[in-house]
Amino acid sequence: MPIKDDAYNKARDILAKAGSKSAKKSHMKHTGKKGSPDGHGKSLIEEARADGVDEATLAKAEKAMGI
């Protein structure tokens, strides 16, 4: 199921504020109504985990994306 742009961008902001370097480097999504594949959101989470973001923040970002 595609992730809506607003949901991805919200999760990206959560992770960037928590110190994820990869989230800070990622681009805002603007696909219109098309959305992004789940894999993009899962990659964002895994990269933030590797950056040392805590599990509670990761869970908040996952919830924001619905994954």
Protein backbone atom coordinates (compact mmCIF):
# COMPACT_ATOMS: atom_id res chain seq x y z
CA MET A 1 0.00 0.00 0.00
CA PRO A 2 1.50 3.37 -0.97
CA ILE A 3 2.47 5.84 1.74
CA LYS A 4 0.90 9.28 1.28
CA ASP A 5 3.35 12.13 0.82
CA ASP A 6 2.17 13.96 3.95
CA ALA A 7 2.61 10.82 6.07
CA TYR A 8 6.12 10.16 4.74
CA ASN A 9 7.13 13.78 5.22
CA LYS A 10 5.78 13.81 8.78
CA ALA A 11 7.79 10.68 9.62
CA ARG A 12 10.85 12.15 7.95
CA ASP A 13 10.54 15.27 10.11
CA ILE A 14 10.13 13.18 13.29
CA LEU A 15 13.28 11.24 12.49
CA ALA A 16 15.29 14.29 11.42
CA LYS A 17 14.43 16.09 14.66
CA ALA A 18 15.55 12.98 16.56
CA GLY A 19 18.98 13.23 14.94
CA SER A 20 18.77 10.93 11.94
CA LYS A 21 21.35 12.14 9.44
CA SER A 22 19.80 10.07 6.66
CA ALA A 23 16.34 11.56 7.29
CA LYS A 24 17.81 15.05 7.18
CA LYS A 25 19.39 14.24 3.80
CA SER A 26 16.27 12.65 2.31
CA HIS A 27 14.03 14.70 0.07
CA MET A 28 10.47 15.71 0.83
CA LYS A 29 8.01 13.57 -1.11
CA HIS A 30 5.79 15.31 -3.64
CA THR A 31 4.26 12.61 -5.81
CA GLY A 32 0.77 14.10 -5.77
CA LYS A 33 -1.86 11.44 -5.16
CA LYS A 34 0.43 8.62 -6.29
CA GLY A 35 2.28 8.14 -2.97
CA SER A 36 5.46 6.18 -2.35
CA PRO A 37 6.06 2.44 -2.00
CA ASP A 38 6.14 0.97 1.52
CA GLY A 39 9.77 0.14 0.90
CA HIS A 40 10.70 3.82 0.93
CA GLY A 41 9.23 4.20 4.41
CA LYS A 42 10.83 1.01 5.67
CA SER A 43 14.21 2.14 4.32
CA LEU A 44 13.80 5.49 6.06
CA ILE A 45 13.15 3.67 9.35
CA GLU A 46 16.09 1.28 8.94
CA GLU A 47 18.47 4.11 8.05
CA ALA A 48 17.30 6.09 11.10
CA ARG A 49 17.84 3.00 13.27
CA ALA A 50 21.40 2.77 11.94
CA ASP A 51 21.81 6.47 12.79
CA GLY A 52 21.00 5.61 16.42
CA VAL A 53 17.43 6.90 16.69
CA ASP A 54 15.63 5.35 19.68
CA GLU A 55 12.92 2.73 19.24
CA ALA A 56 10.12 4.93 20.64
CA THR A 57 10.81 7.57 17.98
CA LEU A 58 11.05 4.93 15.28
CA ALA A 59 7.65 3.58 16.37
CA LYS A 60 6.18 7.09 16.21
CA ALA A 61 7.50 7.52 12.67
CA GLU A 62 6.17 4.10 11.64
CA LYS A 63 2.76 5.01 13.03
CA ALA A 64 2.79 8.29 11.11
CA MET A 65 3.34 6.34 7.88
CA GLY A 66 0.96 3.52 8.76
CA ILE A 67 3.60 0.81 8.46
